[in-house]
Every structure is written in C-alpha cells, then in structure tokens.
N, C-alpha and C. Protein backbone atom coordinates (compact mmCIF):
# COMPACT_ATOMS: atom_id res chain seq x y z
N MET A 1 -14.70 -7.77 -15.38
CA MET A 1 -13.34 -8.00 -14.96
C MET A 1 -13.32 -8.22 -13.45
N LYS A 2 -12.44 -9.11 -13.02
CA LYS A 2 -12.29 -9.40 -11.60
C LYS A 2 -10.90 -8.94 -11.16
N VAL A 3 -10.87 -8.15 -10.07
CA VAL A 3 -9.63 -7.58 -9.56
C VAL A 3 -9.37 -8.13 -8.16
N LEU A 4 -8.15 -8.55 -7.91
CA LEU A 4 -7.72 -9.02 -6.61
C LEU A 4 -6.97 -7.89 -5.91
N VAL A 5 -7.34 -7.60 -4.67
CA VAL A 5 -6.62 -6.61 -3.86
C VAL A 5 -5.94 -7.36 -2.73
N ILE A 6 -4.63 -7.36 -2.75
CA ILE A 6 -3.82 -7.99 -1.70
C ILE A 6 -3.23 -6.85 -0.87
N PHE A 7 -3.44 -6.90 0.44
CA PHE A 7 -2.93 -5.82 1.28
C PHE A 7 -2.46 -6.36 2.62
N GLU A 8 -1.62 -5.57 3.27
CA GLU A 8 -1.27 -5.83 4.66
C GLU A 8 -1.25 -4.47 5.34
N THR A 9 -1.65 -4.43 6.59
CA THR A 9 -1.71 -3.17 7.33
C THR A 9 -1.02 -3.36 8.67
N VAL A 10 -0.52 -2.29 9.23
CA VAL A 10 0.11 -2.33 10.55
C VAL A 10 -0.71 -1.51 11.53
N GLU A 11 -1.00 -0.26 11.17
CA GLU A 11 -1.75 0.63 12.06
C GLU A 11 -3.18 0.87 11.60
N GLY A 12 -3.52 0.43 10.38
CA GLY A 12 -4.89 0.56 9.90
C GLY A 12 -5.06 1.45 8.68
N GLN A 13 -4.10 2.33 8.36
CA GLN A 13 -4.27 3.22 7.22
C GLN A 13 -4.26 2.44 5.90
N THR A 14 -3.40 1.44 5.79
CA THR A 14 -3.37 0.67 4.54
C THR A 14 -4.65 -0.13 4.37
N ARG A 15 -5.24 -0.60 5.45
CA ARG A 15 -6.56 -1.26 5.35
C ARG A 15 -7.58 -0.26 4.82
N LYS A 16 -7.55 0.95 5.34
CA LYS A 16 -8.47 2.00 4.88
C LYS A 16 -8.24 2.28 3.39
N ILE A 17 -7.00 2.31 2.97
CA ILE A 17 -6.66 2.51 1.57
C ILE A 17 -7.17 1.33 0.73
N ALA A 18 -6.97 0.11 1.20
CA ALA A 18 -7.44 -1.08 0.47
C ALA A 18 -8.96 -1.06 0.34
N GLU A 19 -9.66 -0.65 1.38
CA GLU A 19 -11.11 -0.57 1.32
C GLU A 19 -11.56 0.53 0.34
N PHE A 20 -10.82 1.62 0.27
CA PHE A 20 -11.10 2.66 -0.70
C PHE A 20 -10.91 2.12 -2.12
N VAL A 21 -9.82 1.39 -2.32
CA VAL A 21 -9.56 0.77 -3.63
C VAL A 21 -10.71 -0.17 -3.99
N GLU A 22 -11.15 -0.97 -3.02
CA GLU A 22 -12.27 -1.88 -3.25
C GLU A 22 -13.51 -1.11 -3.71
N GLN A 23 -13.82 -0.01 -3.05
CA GLN A 23 -14.98 0.81 -3.41
C GLN A 23 -14.84 1.37 -4.83
N GLN A 24 -13.64 1.81 -5.18
CA GLN A 24 -13.40 2.36 -6.51
C GLN A 24 -13.61 1.30 -7.59
N ILE A 25 -13.15 0.09 -7.31
CA ILE A 25 -13.28 -1.01 -8.27
C ILE A 25 -14.75 -1.37 -8.46
N ARG A 26 -15.49 -1.48 -7.36
CA ARG A 26 -16.93 -1.79 -7.44
C ARG A 26 -17.69 -0.68 -8.16
N ALA A 27 -17.35 0.58 -7.86
CA ALA A 27 -18.02 1.72 -8.50
C ALA A 27 -17.78 1.74 -10.01
N ALA A 28 -16.66 1.17 -10.44
CA ALA A 28 -16.35 1.10 -11.87
C ALA A 28 -17.03 -0.10 -12.53
N GLY A 29 -17.77 -0.88 -11.74
CA GLY A 29 -18.54 -1.99 -12.29
C GLY A 29 -17.80 -3.32 -12.36
N HIS A 30 -16.73 -3.45 -11.60
CA HIS A 30 -15.94 -4.68 -11.63
C HIS A 30 -16.12 -5.47 -10.34
N GLU A 31 -15.81 -6.75 -10.43
CA GLU A 31 -15.79 -7.60 -9.23
C GLU A 31 -14.47 -7.40 -8.52
N VAL A 32 -14.48 -7.58 -7.21
CA VAL A 32 -13.25 -7.44 -6.44
C VAL A 32 -13.18 -8.54 -5.39
N GLN A 33 -11.99 -9.04 -5.20
CA GLN A 33 -11.70 -10.05 -4.17
C GLN A 33 -10.62 -9.47 -3.28
N MET A 34 -10.84 -9.44 -1.97
CA MET A 34 -9.88 -8.88 -1.03
C MET A 34 -9.09 -10.01 -0.37
N PHE A 35 -7.80 -9.77 -0.14
CA PHE A 35 -6.98 -10.74 0.58
C PHE A 35 -6.02 -10.00 1.49
N ASN A 36 -6.13 -10.27 2.80
CA ASN A 36 -5.23 -9.69 3.79
C ASN A 36 -4.00 -10.59 3.90
N ALA A 37 -2.85 -10.07 3.50
CA ALA A 37 -1.62 -10.87 3.50
C ALA A 37 -1.20 -11.29 4.90
N ALA A 38 -1.73 -10.63 5.92
CA ALA A 38 -1.42 -11.02 7.30
C ALA A 38 -2.09 -12.34 7.66
N ASP A 39 -3.09 -12.76 6.90
CA ASP A 39 -3.78 -14.03 7.12
C ASP A 39 -2.94 -15.14 6.48
N ARG A 40 -1.93 -15.56 7.18
CA ARG A 40 -0.94 -16.49 6.63
C ARG A 40 -1.53 -17.85 6.22
N LEU A 41 -2.67 -18.21 6.79
CA LEU A 41 -3.29 -19.50 6.47
C LEU A 41 -4.46 -19.36 5.51
N GLY A 42 -4.79 -18.14 5.13
CA GLY A 42 -5.92 -17.92 4.23
C GLY A 42 -5.62 -18.41 2.83
N PRO A 43 -6.63 -18.92 2.14
CA PRO A 43 -6.43 -19.40 0.77
C PRO A 43 -6.37 -18.23 -0.21
N LEU A 44 -5.32 -18.17 -0.99
CA LEU A 44 -5.16 -17.12 -1.99
C LEU A 44 -5.25 -17.77 -3.36
N SER A 45 -6.22 -17.30 -4.15
CA SER A 45 -6.42 -17.86 -5.49
C SER A 45 -6.39 -16.74 -6.52
N PHE A 46 -5.71 -17.00 -7.62
CA PHE A 46 -5.65 -16.06 -8.73
C PHE A 46 -6.59 -16.48 -9.86
N ASP A 47 -7.39 -17.53 -9.64
CA ASP A 47 -8.31 -18.02 -10.67
C ASP A 47 -9.31 -16.93 -11.05
N GLY A 48 -9.42 -16.66 -12.34
CA GLY A 48 -10.37 -15.69 -12.84
C GLY A 48 -9.98 -14.24 -12.62
N ILE A 49 -8.81 -14.01 -12.08
CA ILE A 49 -8.35 -12.65 -11.78
C ILE A 49 -7.67 -12.04 -13.00
N SER A 50 -8.09 -10.83 -13.38
CA SER A 50 -7.50 -10.12 -14.51
C SER A 50 -6.40 -9.16 -14.09
N LYS A 51 -6.64 -8.46 -12.96
CA LYS A 51 -5.70 -7.46 -12.47
C LYS A 51 -5.52 -7.62 -10.97
N VAL A 52 -4.35 -7.18 -10.47
CA VAL A 52 -4.05 -7.28 -9.05
C VAL A 52 -3.54 -5.95 -8.54
N VAL A 53 -4.13 -5.50 -7.43
CA VAL A 53 -3.64 -4.33 -6.71
C VAL A 53 -3.01 -4.83 -5.42
N LEU A 54 -1.79 -4.42 -5.16
CA LEU A 54 -1.10 -4.79 -3.93
C LEU A 54 -0.84 -3.53 -3.13
N ALA A 55 -1.08 -3.57 -1.82
CA ALA A 55 -0.88 -2.38 -0.98
C ALA A 55 -0.25 -2.80 0.35
N ALA A 56 0.81 -2.08 0.73
CA ALA A 56 1.48 -2.37 1.99
C ALA A 56 2.14 -1.11 2.53
N PRO A 57 2.20 -1.00 3.86
CA PRO A 57 2.82 0.16 4.48
C PRO A 57 4.33 -0.03 4.65
N VAL A 58 5.00 1.07 4.88
CA VAL A 58 6.43 1.03 5.21
C VAL A 58 6.57 1.37 6.69
N HIS A 59 7.25 0.52 7.42
CA HIS A 59 7.59 0.76 8.82
C HIS A 59 9.04 0.36 9.00
N GLU A 60 9.78 1.22 9.65
CA GLU A 60 11.21 0.98 9.87
C GLU A 60 11.92 0.67 8.55
N ARG A 61 11.61 1.47 7.53
CA ARG A 61 12.26 1.47 6.23
C ARG A 61 11.93 0.30 5.32
N ARG A 62 10.94 -0.53 5.68
CA ARG A 62 10.59 -1.61 4.76
C ARG A 62 9.13 -2.01 4.90
N HIS A 63 8.65 -2.70 3.89
CA HIS A 63 7.30 -3.23 3.90
C HIS A 63 7.29 -4.48 4.78
N PRO A 64 6.12 -4.90 5.26
CA PRO A 64 6.07 -6.09 6.13
C PRO A 64 6.71 -7.30 5.47
N GLU A 65 7.49 -8.02 6.25
CA GLU A 65 8.20 -9.18 5.72
C GLU A 65 7.24 -10.22 5.16
N GLY A 66 6.14 -10.47 5.85
CA GLY A 66 5.15 -11.45 5.36
C GLY A 66 4.56 -11.06 4.02
N PHE A 67 4.35 -9.77 3.82
CA PHE A 67 3.85 -9.27 2.54
C PHE A 67 4.88 -9.56 1.44
N GLU A 68 6.14 -9.28 1.74
CA GLU A 68 7.20 -9.53 0.76
C GLU A 68 7.33 -11.03 0.44
N VAL A 69 7.16 -11.87 1.45
CA VAL A 69 7.22 -13.32 1.22
C VAL A 69 6.07 -13.75 0.31
N LEU A 70 4.87 -13.23 0.57
CA LEU A 70 3.72 -13.57 -0.27
C LEU A 70 3.96 -13.12 -1.72
N VAL A 71 4.49 -11.92 -1.90
CA VAL A 71 4.77 -11.42 -3.24
C VAL A 71 5.79 -12.33 -3.93
N SER A 72 6.85 -12.68 -3.23
CA SER A 72 7.88 -13.57 -3.80
C SER A 72 7.31 -14.93 -4.19
N ALA A 73 6.45 -15.45 -3.33
CA ALA A 73 5.86 -16.77 -3.58
C ALA A 73 4.83 -16.75 -4.71
N SER A 74 4.34 -15.56 -5.05
CA SER A 74 3.28 -15.43 -6.07
C SER A 74 3.79 -14.82 -7.37
N LEU A 75 5.09 -14.80 -7.57
CA LEU A 75 5.66 -14.12 -8.74
C LEU A 75 5.05 -14.55 -10.06
N ALA A 76 4.93 -15.84 -10.28
CA ALA A 76 4.40 -16.33 -11.57
C ALA A 76 2.98 -15.83 -11.79
N ASP A 77 2.14 -15.90 -10.76
CA ASP A 77 0.75 -15.44 -10.88
C ASP A 77 0.70 -13.93 -11.09
N LEU A 78 1.55 -13.19 -10.41
CA LEU A 78 1.56 -11.73 -10.55
C LEU A 78 2.06 -11.30 -11.92
N LYS A 79 3.10 -11.97 -12.41
CA LYS A 79 3.65 -11.61 -13.72
C LYS A 79 2.67 -11.90 -14.86
N ALA A 80 1.72 -12.81 -14.63
CA ALA A 80 0.74 -13.17 -15.65
C ALA A 80 -0.45 -12.19 -15.70
N ARG A 81 -0.44 -11.19 -14.81
CA ARG A 81 -1.55 -10.25 -14.73
C ARG A 81 -1.03 -8.82 -14.66
N GLN A 82 -1.90 -7.89 -14.98
CA GLN A 82 -1.55 -6.49 -14.82
C GLN A 82 -1.60 -6.15 -13.34
N THR A 83 -0.57 -5.44 -12.85
CA THR A 83 -0.45 -5.19 -11.42
C THR A 83 -0.23 -3.71 -11.11
N LEU A 84 -0.71 -3.33 -9.94
CA LEU A 84 -0.48 -2.00 -9.38
C LEU A 84 -0.02 -2.19 -7.95
N LEU A 85 1.14 -1.66 -7.62
CA LEU A 85 1.67 -1.75 -6.26
C LEU A 85 1.57 -0.38 -5.60
N ILE A 86 0.89 -0.35 -4.44
CA ILE A 86 0.73 0.87 -3.66
C ILE A 86 1.61 0.76 -2.43
N SER A 87 2.60 1.64 -2.34
CA SER A 87 3.50 1.69 -1.20
C SER A 87 3.08 2.87 -0.33
N VAL A 88 2.73 2.60 0.93
CA VAL A 88 2.20 3.61 1.83
C VAL A 88 3.26 3.99 2.86
N SER A 89 3.61 5.29 2.88
CA SER A 89 4.60 5.74 3.86
C SER A 89 4.38 7.21 4.20
N LEU A 90 4.88 7.63 5.35
CA LEU A 90 4.81 9.04 5.71
C LEU A 90 5.76 9.87 4.86
N LYS A 91 6.85 9.27 4.42
CA LYS A 91 7.81 10.00 3.58
C LYS A 91 7.13 10.50 2.31
N ALA A 92 6.16 9.76 1.80
CA ALA A 92 5.46 10.14 0.57
C ALA A 92 4.54 11.34 0.78
N ALA A 93 4.39 11.80 2.02
CA ALA A 93 3.53 12.95 2.31
C ALA A 93 4.21 14.28 2.00
N PHE A 94 5.53 14.25 1.80
CA PHE A 94 6.29 15.48 1.64
C PHE A 94 7.19 15.41 0.42
N PRO A 95 7.23 16.45 -0.39
CA PRO A 95 8.04 16.42 -1.62
C PRO A 95 9.50 16.00 -1.37
N GLU A 96 10.09 16.49 -0.29
CA GLU A 96 11.48 16.14 -0.02
C GLU A 96 11.66 14.70 0.49
N GLY A 97 10.56 14.01 0.77
CA GLY A 97 10.64 12.62 1.21
C GLY A 97 10.37 11.61 0.10
N MET A 98 9.98 12.10 -1.07
CA MET A 98 9.59 11.20 -2.16
C MET A 98 10.74 10.29 -2.62
N GLU A 99 11.95 10.79 -2.64
CA GLU A 99 13.07 9.96 -3.08
C GLU A 99 13.27 8.79 -2.12
N GLU A 100 13.17 9.06 -0.83
CA GLU A 100 13.30 7.98 0.15
C GLU A 100 12.11 7.01 0.04
N ALA A 101 10.92 7.52 -0.18
CA ALA A 101 9.75 6.66 -0.37
C ALA A 101 9.94 5.76 -1.59
N ARG A 102 10.50 6.31 -2.64
CA ARG A 102 10.81 5.54 -3.86
C ARG A 102 11.84 4.45 -3.54
N ASP A 103 12.82 4.77 -2.70
CA ASP A 103 13.84 3.79 -2.31
C ASP A 103 13.21 2.58 -1.62
N TYR A 104 12.21 2.82 -0.76
CA TYR A 104 11.53 1.71 -0.08
C TYR A 104 10.91 0.76 -1.10
N LEU A 105 10.31 1.34 -2.12
CA LEU A 105 9.68 0.54 -3.17
C LEU A 105 10.73 -0.22 -3.98
N THR A 106 11.81 0.44 -4.30
CA THR A 106 12.90 -0.20 -5.05
C THR A 106 13.47 -1.36 -4.25
N GLU A 107 13.64 -1.18 -2.95
CA GLU A 107 14.17 -2.25 -2.10
C GLU A 107 13.22 -3.44 -2.05
N LEU A 108 11.91 -3.19 -1.98
CA LEU A 108 10.92 -4.28 -2.02
C LEU A 108 11.07 -5.05 -3.33
N GLU A 109 11.18 -4.33 -4.43
CA GLU A 109 11.31 -4.97 -5.73
C GLU A 109 12.59 -5.80 -5.82
N MET A 110 13.68 -5.30 -5.25
CA MET A 110 14.93 -6.05 -5.27
C MET A 110 14.85 -7.31 -4.41
N ARG A 111 14.21 -7.20 -3.23
CA ARG A 111 14.11 -8.36 -2.34
C ARG A 111 13.18 -9.43 -2.89
N THR A 112 12.11 -9.02 -3.59
CA THR A 112 11.10 -9.98 -4.04
C THR A 112 11.29 -10.43 -5.49
N GLY A 113 11.99 -9.64 -6.29
CA GLY A 113 12.11 -9.94 -7.72
C GLY A 113 10.86 -9.52 -8.49
N PHE A 114 9.95 -8.81 -7.84
CA PHE A 114 8.69 -8.40 -8.45
C PHE A 114 8.81 -6.99 -9.02
N GLU A 115 8.43 -6.84 -10.29
CA GLU A 115 8.38 -5.54 -10.93
C GLU A 115 6.95 -5.31 -11.40
N PRO A 116 6.18 -4.50 -10.65
CA PRO A 116 4.79 -4.26 -11.03
C PRO A 116 4.68 -3.48 -12.33
N ASN A 117 3.55 -3.61 -13.00
CA ASN A 117 3.30 -2.81 -14.20
C ASN A 117 3.15 -1.34 -13.85
N ASN A 118 2.53 -1.09 -12.71
CA ASN A 118 2.28 0.27 -12.25
C ASN A 118 2.60 0.33 -10.76
N GLU A 119 3.02 1.49 -10.31
CA GLU A 119 3.29 1.67 -8.89
C GLU A 119 2.97 3.10 -8.49
N VAL A 120 2.56 3.25 -7.25
CA VAL A 120 2.22 4.58 -6.75
C VAL A 120 2.66 4.68 -5.29
N LEU A 121 3.23 5.83 -4.97
CA LEU A 121 3.63 6.14 -3.60
C LEU A 121 2.49 6.93 -2.97
N VAL A 122 1.98 6.44 -1.86
CA VAL A 122 0.83 7.06 -1.20
C VAL A 122 1.22 7.44 0.22
N ALA A 123 0.84 8.65 0.61
CA ALA A 123 1.11 9.12 1.96
C ALA A 123 0.20 8.40 2.95
N GLY A 124 0.77 8.04 4.09
CA GLY A 124 0.02 7.33 5.12
C GLY A 124 -0.61 8.26 6.13
N ALA A 125 -0.55 7.86 7.40
CA ALA A 125 -1.18 8.62 8.47
C ALA A 125 -0.37 8.49 9.75
N VAL A 126 -0.58 9.43 10.64
CA VAL A 126 -0.02 9.36 11.99
C VAL A 126 -1.17 9.00 12.91
N ARG A 127 -0.97 7.97 13.72
CA ARG A 127 -1.98 7.54 14.69
C ARG A 127 -1.31 7.52 16.06
N ALA A 128 -1.18 8.70 16.64
CA ALA A 128 -0.39 8.90 17.85
C ALA A 128 -0.85 8.05 19.03
N ARG A 129 -2.12 7.77 19.12
CA ARG A 129 -2.63 6.98 20.25
C ARG A 129 -2.09 5.56 20.27
N SER A 130 -1.69 5.05 19.12
CA SER A 130 -1.24 3.66 19.07
C SER A 130 0.27 3.53 19.30
N TYR A 131 0.98 4.65 19.55
CA TYR A 131 2.42 4.60 19.71
C TYR A 131 2.84 4.62 21.17
N GLY A 132 3.86 3.85 21.46
CA GLY A 132 4.55 3.97 22.74
C GLY A 132 5.57 5.10 22.60
N TYR A 133 6.36 5.30 23.64
CA TYR A 133 7.34 6.38 23.62
C TYR A 133 8.33 6.22 22.46
N TYR A 134 8.89 5.04 22.32
CA TYR A 134 9.89 4.80 21.27
C TYR A 134 9.30 5.06 19.88
N GLU A 135 8.12 4.49 19.62
CA GLU A 135 7.48 4.68 18.33
C GLU A 135 7.17 6.15 18.06
N SER A 136 6.71 6.86 19.09
CA SER A 136 6.37 8.27 18.90
C SER A 136 7.62 9.08 18.55
N GLN A 137 8.76 8.73 19.13
CA GLN A 137 10.01 9.43 18.82
C GLN A 137 10.47 9.14 17.40
N ILE A 138 10.32 7.90 16.96
CA ILE A 138 10.69 7.54 15.59
C ILE A 138 9.80 8.29 14.59
N VAL A 139 8.49 8.28 14.85
CA VAL A 139 7.57 8.97 13.94
C VAL A 139 7.91 10.46 13.89
N GLN A 140 8.08 11.09 15.04
CA GLN A 140 8.33 12.53 15.07
C GLN A 140 9.69 12.91 14.48
N ASN A 141 10.73 12.18 14.84
CA ASN A 141 12.09 12.60 14.47
C ASN A 141 12.64 11.96 13.20
N VAL A 142 12.05 10.86 12.77
CA VAL A 142 12.53 10.21 11.56
C VAL A 142 11.50 10.34 10.44
N ALA A 143 10.32 9.76 10.63
CA ALA A 143 9.32 9.77 9.56
C ALA A 143 8.85 11.19 9.24
N LEU A 144 8.58 11.98 10.27
CA LEU A 144 8.12 13.35 10.04
C LEU A 144 9.29 14.34 9.99
N ASP A 145 10.48 13.87 10.28
CA ASP A 145 11.69 14.70 10.21
C ASP A 145 11.56 15.98 11.02
N GLY A 146 10.96 15.84 12.21
CA GLY A 146 10.84 16.97 13.13
C GLY A 146 9.69 17.93 12.84
N ARG A 147 8.91 17.68 11.78
CA ARG A 147 7.78 18.56 11.47
C ARG A 147 6.72 18.45 12.56
N LYS A 148 6.15 19.55 12.90
CA LYS A 148 5.03 19.55 13.83
C LYS A 148 3.76 19.40 13.01
N VAL A 149 2.95 18.39 13.33
CA VAL A 149 1.70 18.18 12.61
C VAL A 149 0.54 18.28 13.60
N GLU A 150 -0.55 18.82 13.12
CA GLU A 150 -1.73 18.95 13.94
C GLU A 150 -2.52 17.65 13.89
N LEU A 151 -2.82 17.10 15.05
CA LEU A 151 -3.58 15.87 15.13
C LEU A 151 -5.01 16.19 15.55
N VAL A 152 -5.95 15.44 15.01
CA VAL A 152 -7.34 15.53 15.42
C VAL A 152 -7.70 14.18 16.03
N ASP A 153 -7.98 14.19 17.32
CA ASP A 153 -8.23 12.95 18.06
C ASP A 153 -7.08 11.97 17.91
N GLY A 154 -5.86 12.49 17.90
CA GLY A 154 -4.67 11.64 17.84
C GLY A 154 -4.33 11.11 16.46
N VAL A 155 -5.02 11.60 15.41
CA VAL A 155 -4.81 11.08 14.05
C VAL A 155 -4.57 12.24 13.09
N ARG A 156 -3.69 12.01 12.12
CA ARG A 156 -3.53 12.94 11.00
C ARG A 156 -3.30 12.10 9.75
N GLU A 157 -4.27 12.16 8.85
CA GLU A 157 -4.16 11.47 7.56
C GLU A 157 -3.49 12.39 6.56
N PHE A 158 -2.54 11.82 5.82
CA PHE A 158 -1.89 12.56 4.74
C PHE A 158 -2.30 12.01 3.37
N THR A 159 -3.06 10.93 3.34
CA THR A 159 -3.45 10.29 2.09
C THR A 159 -4.25 11.25 1.22
N ASP A 160 -3.85 11.37 -0.04
CA ASP A 160 -4.58 12.19 -1.02
C ASP A 160 -5.56 11.25 -1.74
N TRP A 161 -6.79 11.24 -1.24
CA TRP A 161 -7.78 10.29 -1.73
C TRP A 161 -8.15 10.55 -3.19
N ASP A 162 -8.20 11.80 -3.60
CA ASP A 162 -8.54 12.12 -5.00
C ASP A 162 -7.46 11.60 -5.95
N ALA A 163 -6.20 11.84 -5.60
CA ALA A 163 -5.10 11.37 -6.45
C ALA A 163 -5.09 9.85 -6.51
N LEU A 164 -5.34 9.20 -5.38
CA LEU A 164 -5.38 7.73 -5.36
C LEU A 164 -6.54 7.23 -6.22
N GLY A 165 -7.69 7.88 -6.13
CA GLY A 165 -8.83 7.50 -6.97
C GLY A 165 -8.50 7.61 -8.45
N ASP A 166 -7.77 8.66 -8.82
CA ASP A 166 -7.35 8.83 -10.22
C ASP A 166 -6.41 7.70 -10.65
N GLU A 167 -5.49 7.32 -9.79
CA GLU A 167 -4.56 6.22 -10.10
C GLU A 167 -5.31 4.91 -10.30
N ILE A 168 -6.28 4.64 -9.42
CA ILE A 168 -7.07 3.41 -9.53
C ILE A 168 -7.88 3.43 -10.82
N GLY A 169 -8.51 4.55 -11.13
CA GLY A 169 -9.29 4.67 -12.35
C GLY A 169 -8.44 4.42 -13.58
N ALA A 170 -7.25 5.02 -13.63
CA ALA A 170 -6.35 4.81 -14.79
C ALA A 170 -5.93 3.35 -14.89
N PHE A 171 -5.65 2.72 -13.75
CA PHE A 171 -5.24 1.31 -13.75
C PHE A 171 -6.36 0.43 -14.27
N LEU A 172 -7.59 0.69 -13.84
CA LEU A 172 -8.72 -0.13 -14.28
C LEU A 172 -9.01 0.05 -15.78
N GLN A 173 -8.78 1.24 -16.28
CA GLN A 173 -9.07 1.52 -17.70
C GLN A 173 -7.97 1.04 -18.63
N ALA A 174 -6.77 0.85 -18.11
CA ALA A 174 -5.64 0.43 -18.95
C ALA A 174 -5.89 -0.94 -19.55
N ALA A 175 -5.56 -1.08 -20.81
CA ALA A 175 -5.70 -2.37 -21.48
C ALA A 175 -4.72 -3.37 -20.89
N PRO A 176 -5.16 -4.62 -20.76
CA PRO A 176 -4.24 -5.64 -20.21
C PRO A 176 -3.04 -5.88 -21.09
C-alpha cells in the first residue's frame, strides 16, 4: 500500500509529527510519499495512493490558509481515498481545551467541504525562542490560558507520541 502524507508546518512541530507518521508507515511495511503543502509549486499526485494522512497546525484559531486551499482543490482525490486528518494545536494538550481544538477542525471542514474518514486532535509544542513579544503573549495568555509551563532549551512538547502511533497504526490497518 502507498500512503501520501500532506502536511504544512509553521514552527516545526507539525513537520516533526509528519516525519513520525512517515516512520510509522514505513515500519508497517508500506510505501510513503511526503508532500509539504507550503511548496505551492510542487507537483502533487494521487496516482497509486491508497490512503492519505493530512497534518496541519492551528495558529490564530485556524489552520494555514494554503493548506485549506490545497484540501479544497483536492476534494475529489481525497474523497476517493481513506483519509486521516491530524489537527495540531496547543488547546489539544489540555482536557478543557479539547472542545476548542475540535472547533478548529470543524471550521476547517466547513471552509473546505472536506470530511475526513478519520480525524485526530494532537497537542503541539511551545517554541519560545521563535516568538516575538506579541507571539509570546498570545501563546502564554491565549493558547496556554495563563498556565506556567516548564521549557527545556526554550521548547516544551505536548505531543503524545504513543497515542499518535496508535492512531496511525489503526488507520493503516483499517480496511479501505
């Protein structure tokens, strides 16, 4: 089976997640093709693809516009295949933020008209070194809702890699 992974990243955590997904697919004995949605001129082909994993982060309450445009433009190809959509946000790191994280995914689906077969909310990361003052205030007071988090070298990952691995495994084993 050949799996296409379409992703877009802003700070790098979604790229790390996409690379983890790629490793899981290869370890399960399948072929994988990676496509960075930020590469607006890159050739995207669904030829020979059985399943598609899509991954994008949430920033300022929505997924990247270019990612949403690509999803909208690829509706027919996506609907013809089994799909898994991974929405990455800090809100998904906390039980009380899950409803808002779900809202981000619902809004993406409404804007694009895309309804994936499977979807998963994945917690992202804080990368304090890459933020200016404004961004750091938004992360601290909105995304983290004032929670104090311990950073190691300016980074704190909230991604549950084991849970994500289980989701990928179930998706790969599911019958088309």
